[in-house]
PDB file of N, CA and C in Angstrom:
ATOM      1  N   UNK A   1     -14.423  -7.538  -0.070  1.00  0.00           N
ATOM      2  CA  UNK A   1     -12.996  -7.607   0.168  1.00  0.00           C
ATOM      3  C   UNK A   1     -12.466  -6.225   0.487  1.00  0.00           C
ATOM      4  N   UNK A   2     -11.386  -6.207   1.246  1.00  0.00           N
ATOM      5  CA  UNK A   2     -10.681  -4.963   1.499  1.00  0.00           C
ATOM      6  C   UNK A   2      -9.223  -5.281   1.815  1.00  0.00           C
ATOM      7  N   UNK A   3      -8.395  -4.247   1.746  1.00  0.00           N
ATOM      8  CA  UNK A   3      -6.987  -4.415   2.088  1.00  0.00           C
ATOM      9  C   UNK A   3      -6.660  -3.538   3.283  1.00  0.00           C
ATOM     10  N   UNK A   4      -5.659  -3.954   4.026  1.00  0.00           N
ATOM     11  CA  UNK A   4      -5.121  -3.163   5.134  1.00  0.00           C
ATOM     12  C   UNK A   4      -3.610  -3.153   4.984  1.00  0.00           C
ATOM     13  N   UNK A   5      -3.020  -1.982   5.183  1.00  0.00           N
ATOM     14  CA  UNK A   5      -1.566  -1.862   5.141  1.00  0.00           C
ATOM     15  C   UNK A   5      -1.077  -1.576   6.552  1.00  0.00           C
ATOM     16  N   UNK A   6      -0.166  -2.400   7.032  1.00  0.00           N
ATOM     17  CA  UNK A   6       0.465  -2.201   8.332  1.00  0.00           C
ATOM     18  C   UNK A   6       1.808  -1.536   8.061  1.00  0.00           C
ATOM     19  N   UNK A   7       1.888  -0.230   8.311  1.00  0.00           N
ATOM     20  CA  UNK A   7       3.097   0.532   7.998  1.00  0.00           C
ATOM     21  C   UNK A   7       4.282   0.035   8.818  1.00  0.00           C
ATOM     22  N   UNK A   8       4.066  -0.243  10.091  1.00  0.00           N
ATOM     23  CA  UNK A   8       5.151  -0.705  10.954  1.00  0.00           C
ATOM     24  C   UNK A   8       5.748  -2.027  10.509  1.00  0.00           C
ATOM     25  N   UNK A   9       4.910  -2.925  10.046  1.00  0.00           N
ATOM     26  CA  UNK A   9       5.368  -4.249   9.596  1.00  0.00           C
ATOM     27  C   UNK A   9       5.660  -4.298   8.099  1.00  0.00           C
ATOM     28  N   UNK A  10       5.348  -3.211   7.375  1.00  0.00           N
ATOM     29  CA  UNK A  10       5.543  -3.158   5.923  1.00  0.00           C
ATOM     30  C   UNK A  10       4.846  -4.342   5.260  1.00  0.00           C
ATOM     31  N   UNK A  11       3.558  -4.500   5.582  1.00  0.00           N
ATOM     32  CA  UNK A  11       2.794  -5.656   5.121  1.00  0.00           C
ATOM     33  C   UNK A  11       1.397  -5.221   4.685  1.00  0.00           C
ATOM     34  N   UNK A  12       0.930  -5.769   3.561  1.00  0.00           N
ATOM     35  CA  UNK A  12      -0.430  -5.544   3.085  1.00  0.00           C
ATOM     36  C   UNK A  12      -1.192  -6.842   3.274  1.00  0.00           C
ATOM     37  N   UNK A  13      -2.374  -6.750   3.861  1.00  0.00           N
ATOM     38  CA  UNK A  13      -3.225  -7.920   4.027  1.00  0.00           C
ATOM     39  C   UNK A  13      -4.474  -7.786   3.186  1.00  0.00           C
ATOM     40  N   UNK A  14      -4.852  -8.855   2.508  1.00  0.00           N
ATOM     41  CA  UNK A  14      -6.091  -8.917   1.737  1.00  0.00           C
ATOM     42  C   UNK A  14      -7.095  -9.692   2.576  1.00  0.00           C
ATOM     43  N   UNK A  15      -8.242  -9.064   2.867  1.00  0.00           N
ATOM     44  CA  UNK A  15      -9.241  -9.650   3.751  1.00  0.00           C
ATOM     45  C   UNK A  15     -10.559  -9.857   3.027  1.00  0.00           C
ATOM     46  N   UNK A  16     -11.206 -10.972   3.317  1.00  0.00           N
ATOM     47  CA  UNK A  16     -12.511 -11.279   2.751  1.00  0.00           C
ATOM     48  C   UNK A  16     -13.607 -10.536   3.489  1.00  0.00           C
ATOM     49  N   UNK A  17     -14.824 -10.623   2.986  1.00  0.00           N
ATOM     50  CA  UNK A  17     -15.968  -9.961   3.608  1.00  0.00           C
ATOM     51  C   UNK A  17     -16.227 -10.465   5.024  1.00  0.00           C
ATOM     52  N   UNK A  18     -15.780 -11.673   5.324  1.00  0.00           N
ATOM     53  CA  UNK A  18     -15.957 -12.229   6.670  1.00  0.00           C
ATOM     54  C   UNK A  18     -14.855 -11.792   7.631  1.00  0.00           C
ATOM     55  N   UNK A  19     -13.893 -10.986   7.156  1.00  0.00           N
ATOM     56  CA  UNK A  19     -12.810 -10.489   7.992  1.00  0.00           C
ATOM     57  C   UNK A  19     -11.594 -11.392   8.055  1.00  0.00           C
ATOM     58  N   UNK A  20     -11.665 -12.560   7.410  1.00  0.00           N
ATOM     59  CA  UNK A  20     -10.537 -13.488   7.423  1.00  0.00           C
ATOM     60  C   UNK A  20      -9.454 -13.033   6.446  1.00  0.00           C
ATOM     61  N   UNK A  21      -8.207 -13.134   6.873  1.00  0.00           N
ATOM     62  CA  UNK A  21      -7.085 -12.777   6.006  1.00  0.00           C
ATOM     63  C   UNK A  21      -6.902 -13.862   4.953  1.00  0.00           C
ATOM     64  N   UNK A  22      -6.939 -13.447   3.691  1.00  0.00           N
ATOM     65  CA  UNK A  22      -6.800 -14.367   2.568  1.00  0.00           C
ATOM     66  C   UNK A  22      -5.337 -14.500   2.160  1.00  0.00           C
ATOM     67  N   UNK A  23      -4.634 -13.375   2.157  1.00  0.00           N
ATOM     68  CA  UNK A  23      -3.244 -13.379   1.692  1.00  0.00           C
ATOM     69  C   UNK A  23      -2.523 -12.167   2.251  1.00  0.00           C
ATOM     70  N   UNK A  24      -1.211 -12.278   2.417  1.00  0.00           N
ATOM     71  CA  UNK A  24      -0.369 -11.162   2.864  1.00  0.00           C
ATOM     72  C   UNK A  24       0.750 -10.945   1.847  1.00  0.00           C
ATOM     73  N   UNK A  25       1.116  -9.671   1.683  1.00  0.00           N
ATOM     74  CA  UNK A  25       2.171  -9.311   0.748  1.00  0.00           C
ATOM     75  C   UNK A  25       3.108  -8.304   1.407  1.00  0.00           C
ATOM     76  N   UNK A  26       4.410  -8.358   1.115  1.00  0.00           N
ATOM     77  CA  UNK A  26       5.312  -7.313   1.601  1.00  0.00           C
ATOM     78  C   UNK A  26       5.097  -6.040   0.783  1.00  0.00           C
ATOM     79  N   UNK A  27       5.194  -4.889   1.434  1.00  0.00           N
ATOM     80  CA  UNK A  27       5.064  -3.601   0.754  1.00  0.00           C
ATOM     81  C   UNK A  27       6.172  -2.667   1.219  1.00  0.00           C
ATOM     82  N   UNK A  28       6.346  -1.593   0.507  1.00  0.00           N
ATOM     83  CA  UNK A  28       7.295  -0.560   0.888  1.00  0.00           C
ATOM     84  C   UNK A  28       6.537   0.752   0.967  1.00  0.00           C
ATOM     85  N   UNK A  29       6.583   1.391   2.128  1.00  0.00           N
ATOM     86  CA  UNK A  29       5.902   2.672   2.316  1.00  0.00           C
ATOM     87  C   UNK A  29       6.945   3.787   2.362  1.00  0.00           C
ATOM     88  N   UNK A  30       6.490   5.020   2.523  1.00  0.00           N
ATOM     89  CA  UNK A  30       7.362   6.190   2.445  1.00  0.00           C
ATOM     90  C   UNK A  30       8.506   6.153   3.459  1.00  0.00           C
ATOM     91  N   UNK A  31       9.675   6.555   3.006  1.00  0.00           N
ATOM     92  CA  UNK A  31      10.854   6.640   3.861  1.00  0.00           C
ATOM     93  C   UNK A  31      10.626   7.631   5.007  1.00  0.00           C
ATOM     94  N   UNK A  32       9.792   8.655   4.762  1.00  0.00           N
ATOM     95  CA  UNK A  32       9.526   9.684   5.772  1.00  0.00           C
ATOM     96  C   UNK A  32       8.482   9.267   6.799  1.00  0.00           C
ATOM     97  N   UNK A  33       8.006   8.039   6.726  1.00  0.00           N
ATOM     98  CA  UNK A  33       7.025   7.558   7.699  1.00  0.00           C
ATOM     99  C   UNK A  33       5.604   7.923   7.317  1.00  0.00           C
ATOM    100  N   UNK A  34       4.723   7.908   8.307  1.00  0.00           N
ATOM    101  CA  UNK A  34       3.301   8.187   8.081  1.00  0.00           C
ATOM    102  C   UNK A  34       2.987   9.649   8.356  1.00  0.00           C
ATOM    103  N   UNK A  35       2.023  10.187   7.615  1.00  0.00           N
ATOM    104  CA  UNK A  35       1.593  11.562   7.825  1.00  0.00           C
ATOM    105  C   UNK A  35       0.645  12.004   6.733  1.00  0.00           C
ATOM    106  N   UNK A  36      -0.129  13.016   7.034  1.00  0.00           N
ATOM    107  CA  UNK A  36      -1.173  13.459   6.106  1.00  0.00           C
ATOM    108  C   UNK A  36      -0.944  14.837   5.492  1.00  0.00           C
ATOM    109  N   UNK A  37       0.120  15.522   5.845  1.00  0.00           N
ATOM    110  CA  UNK A  37       0.349  16.867   5.316  1.00  0.00           C
ATOM    111  C   UNK A  37       0.691  16.807   3.825  1.00  0.00           C
ATOM    112  N   UNK A  38       0.008  17.622   3.035  1.00  0.00           N
ATOM    113  CA  UNK A  38       0.242  17.649   1.586  1.00  0.00           C
ATOM    114  C   UNK A  38       1.704  17.977   1.294  1.00  0.00           C
ATOM    115  N   UNK A  39       2.305  17.221   0.386  1.00  0.00           N
ATOM    116  CA  UNK A  39       3.682  17.461  -0.015  1.00  0.00           C
ATOM    117  C   UNK A  39       4.729  16.951   0.962  1.00  0.00           C
ATOM    118  N   UNK A  40       4.314  16.231   1.991  1.00  0.00           N
ATOM    119  CA  UNK A  40       5.252  15.771   3.026  1.00  0.00           C
ATOM    120  C   UNK A  40       6.042  14.534   2.611  1.00  0.00           C
ATOM    121  N   UNK A  41       5.648  13.901   1.502  1.00  0.00           N
ATOM    122  CA  UNK A  41       6.283  12.660   1.050  1.00  0.00           C
ATOM    123  C   UNK A  41       6.166  11.559   2.099  1.00  0.00           C
ATOM    124  N   UNK A  42       5.039  11.546   2.817  1.00  0.00           N
ATOM    125  CA  UNK A  42       4.757  10.528   3.822  1.00  0.00           C
ATOM    126  C   UNK A  42       3.612   9.642   3.349  1.00  0.00           C
ATOM    127  N   UNK A  43       3.473   8.481   3.956  1.00  0.00           N
ATOM    128  CA  UNK A  43       2.373   7.574   3.635  1.00  0.00           C
ATOM    129  C   UNK A  43       1.131   8.016   4.399  1.00  0.00           C
ATOM    130  N   UNK A  44       0.048   8.378   3.697  1.00  0.00           N
ATOM    131  CA  UNK A  44      -1.167   8.818   4.389  1.00  0.00           C
ATOM    132  C   UNK A  44      -1.892   7.659   5.065  1.00  0.00           C
ATOM    133  N   UNK A  45      -2.392   7.933   6.271  1.00  0.00           N
ATOM    134  CA  UNK A  45      -3.188   6.934   6.986  1.00  0.00           C
ATOM    135  C   UNK A  45      -4.654   7.195   6.697  1.00  0.00           C
ATOM    136  N   UNK A  46      -5.497   6.251   7.024  1.00  0.00           N
ATOM    137  CA  UNK A  46      -6.933   6.429   6.867  1.00  0.00           C
ATOM    138  C   UNK A  46      -7.518   5.472   5.852  1.00  0.00           C
ATOM    139  N   UNK A  47      -8.768   5.733   5.495  1.00  0.00           N
ATOM    140  CA  UNK A  47      -9.471   4.900   4.508  1.00  0.00           C
ATOM    141  C   UNK A  47      -9.331   5.541   3.141  1.00  0.00           C
ATOM    142  N   UNK A  48      -8.988   4.725   2.164  1.00  0.00           N
ATOM    143  CA  UNK A  48      -8.764   5.216   0.805  1.00  0.00           C
ATOM    144  C   UNK A  48      -9.378   4.252  -0.198  1.00  0.00           C
ATOM    145  N   UNK A  49      -9.677   4.755  -1.376  1.00  0.00           N
ATOM    146  CA  UNK A  49     -10.164   3.922  -2.477  1.00  0.00           C
ATOM    147  C   UNK A  49      -9.066   3.827  -3.526  1.00  0.00           C
ATOM    148  N   UNK A  50      -8.912   2.647  -4.099  1.00  0.00           N
ATOM    149  CA  UNK A  50      -7.942   2.456  -5.173  1.00  0.00           C
ATOM    150  C   UNK A  50      -8.590   2.943  -6.462  1.00  0.00           C
ATOM    151  N   UNK A  51      -7.949   3.888  -7.148  1.00  0.00           N
ATOM    152  CA  UNK A  51      -8.536   4.440  -8.362  1.00  0.00           C
ATOM    153  C   UNK A  51      -7.717   4.156  -9.613  1.00  0.00           C
ATOM    154  N   UNK A  52      -6.475   3.697  -9.444  1.00  0.00           N
ATOM    155  CA  UNK A  52      -5.638   3.407 -10.604  1.00  0.00           C
ATOM    156  C   UNK A  52      -4.610   2.351 -10.233  1.00  0.00           C
ATOM    157  N   UNK A  53      -4.162   1.640 -11.243  1.00  0.00           N
ATOM    158  CA  UNK A  53      -3.114   0.638 -11.044  1.00  0.00           C
ATOM    159  C   UNK A  53      -1.992   0.943 -12.021  1.00  0.00           C
ATOM    160  N   UNK A  54      -0.774   1.028 -11.507  1.00  0.00           N
ATOM    161  CA  UNK A  54       0.372   1.271 -12.380  1.00  0.00           C
ATOM    162  C   UNK A  54       1.260   0.033 -12.380  1.00  0.00           C
ATOM    163  N   UNK A  55       2.040  -0.114 -13.399  1.00  0.00           N
ATOM    164  CA  UNK A  55       3.021  -1.185 -13.441  1.00  0.00           C
ATOM    165  C   UNK A  55       2.544  -2.513 -13.962  1.00  0.00           C
ATOM    166  N   UNK A  56       1.358  -2.571 -14.551  1.00  0.00           N
ATOM    167  CA  UNK A  56       0.886  -3.842 -15.112  1.00  0.00           C
ATOM    168  C   UNK A  56       1.897  -4.329 -16.141  1.00  0.00           C
ATOM    169  N   UNK A  57       2.322  -5.558 -16.016  1.00  0.00           N
ATOM    170  CA  UNK A  57       3.279  -6.123 -16.949  1.00  0.00           C
ATOM    171  C   UNK A  57       4.731  -5.867 -16.588  1.00  0.00           C
ATOM    172  N   UNK A  58       4.981  -5.096 -15.523  1.00  0.00           N
ATOM    173  CA  UNK A  58       6.359  -4.846 -15.101  1.00  0.00           C
ATOM    174  C   UNK A  58       6.907  -6.095 -14.412  1.00  0.00           C
ATOM    175  N   UNK A  59       8.206  -6.312 -14.509  1.00  0.00           N
ATOM    176  CA  UNK A  59       8.779  -7.489 -13.849  1.00  0.00           C
ATOM    177  C   UNK A  59       8.717  -7.363 -12.326  1.00  0.00           C
ATOM    178  N   UNK A  60       8.693  -8.493 -11.643  1.00  0.00           N
ATOM    179  CA  UNK A  60       8.697  -8.491 -10.179  1.00  0.00           C
ATOM    180  C   UNK A  60       9.937  -7.761  -9.684  1.00  0.00           C
ATOM    181  N   UNK A  61       9.766  -6.922  -8.676  1.00  0.00           N
ATOM    182  CA  UNK A  61      10.887  -6.183  -8.105  1.00  0.00           C
ATOM    183  C   UNK A  61      11.204  -4.883  -8.817  1.00  0.00           C
ATOM    184  N   UNK A  62      10.412  -4.521  -9.828  1.00  0.00           N
ATOM    185  CA  UNK A  62      10.660  -3.278 -10.560  1.00  0.00           C
ATOM    186  C   UNK A  62      10.513  -2.086  -9.621  1.00  0.00           C
ATOM    187  N   UNK A  63      11.325  -1.072  -9.834  1.00  0.00           N
ATOM    188  CA  UNK A  63      11.270   0.151  -9.038  1.00  0.00           C
ATOM    189  C   UNK A  63      10.701   1.248  -9.922  1.00  0.00           C
ATOM    190  N   UNK A  64       9.678   1.933  -9.430  1.00  0.00           N
ATOM    191  CA  UNK A  64       9.038   3.014 -10.182  1.00  0.00           C
ATOM    192  C   UNK A  64       9.500   4.349  -9.618  1.00  0.00           C
ATOM    193  N   UNK A  65      10.013   5.189 -10.481  1.00  0.00           N
ATOM    194  CA  UNK A  65      10.481   6.511 -10.060  1.00  0.00           C
ATOM    195  C   UNK A  65       9.711   7.564 -10.836  1.00  0.00           C
ATOM    196  N   UNK A  66       8.933   8.350 -10.129  1.00  0.00           N
ATOM    197  CA  UNK A  66       8.159   9.410 -10.764  1.00  0.00           C
ATOM    198  C   UNK A  66       7.240   8.894 -11.852  1.00  0.00           C
ATOM    199  N   UNK A  67       6.012   9.285 -11.802  1.00  0.00           N
ATOM    200  CA  UNK A  67       5.060   8.853 -12.820  1.00  0.00           C
ATOM    201  C   UNK A  67       4.888   9.993 -13.757  1.00  0.00           C
TER     202      UNK A  67
END
């Protein structure tokens, strides 16, 4: 399985090993758009690994400000 985030459509897709889309979710990416410069407050493009999950048990629609 893998995920893909479409920044333009603000959508995350969950894909199976066969490449078929299993589910789609709305997402919110950086207000400053896409970019890779450190400290730019932009959404980085490229391949990434998920290493942590925050917000377990938070209500749907919760807004997280600063960790």
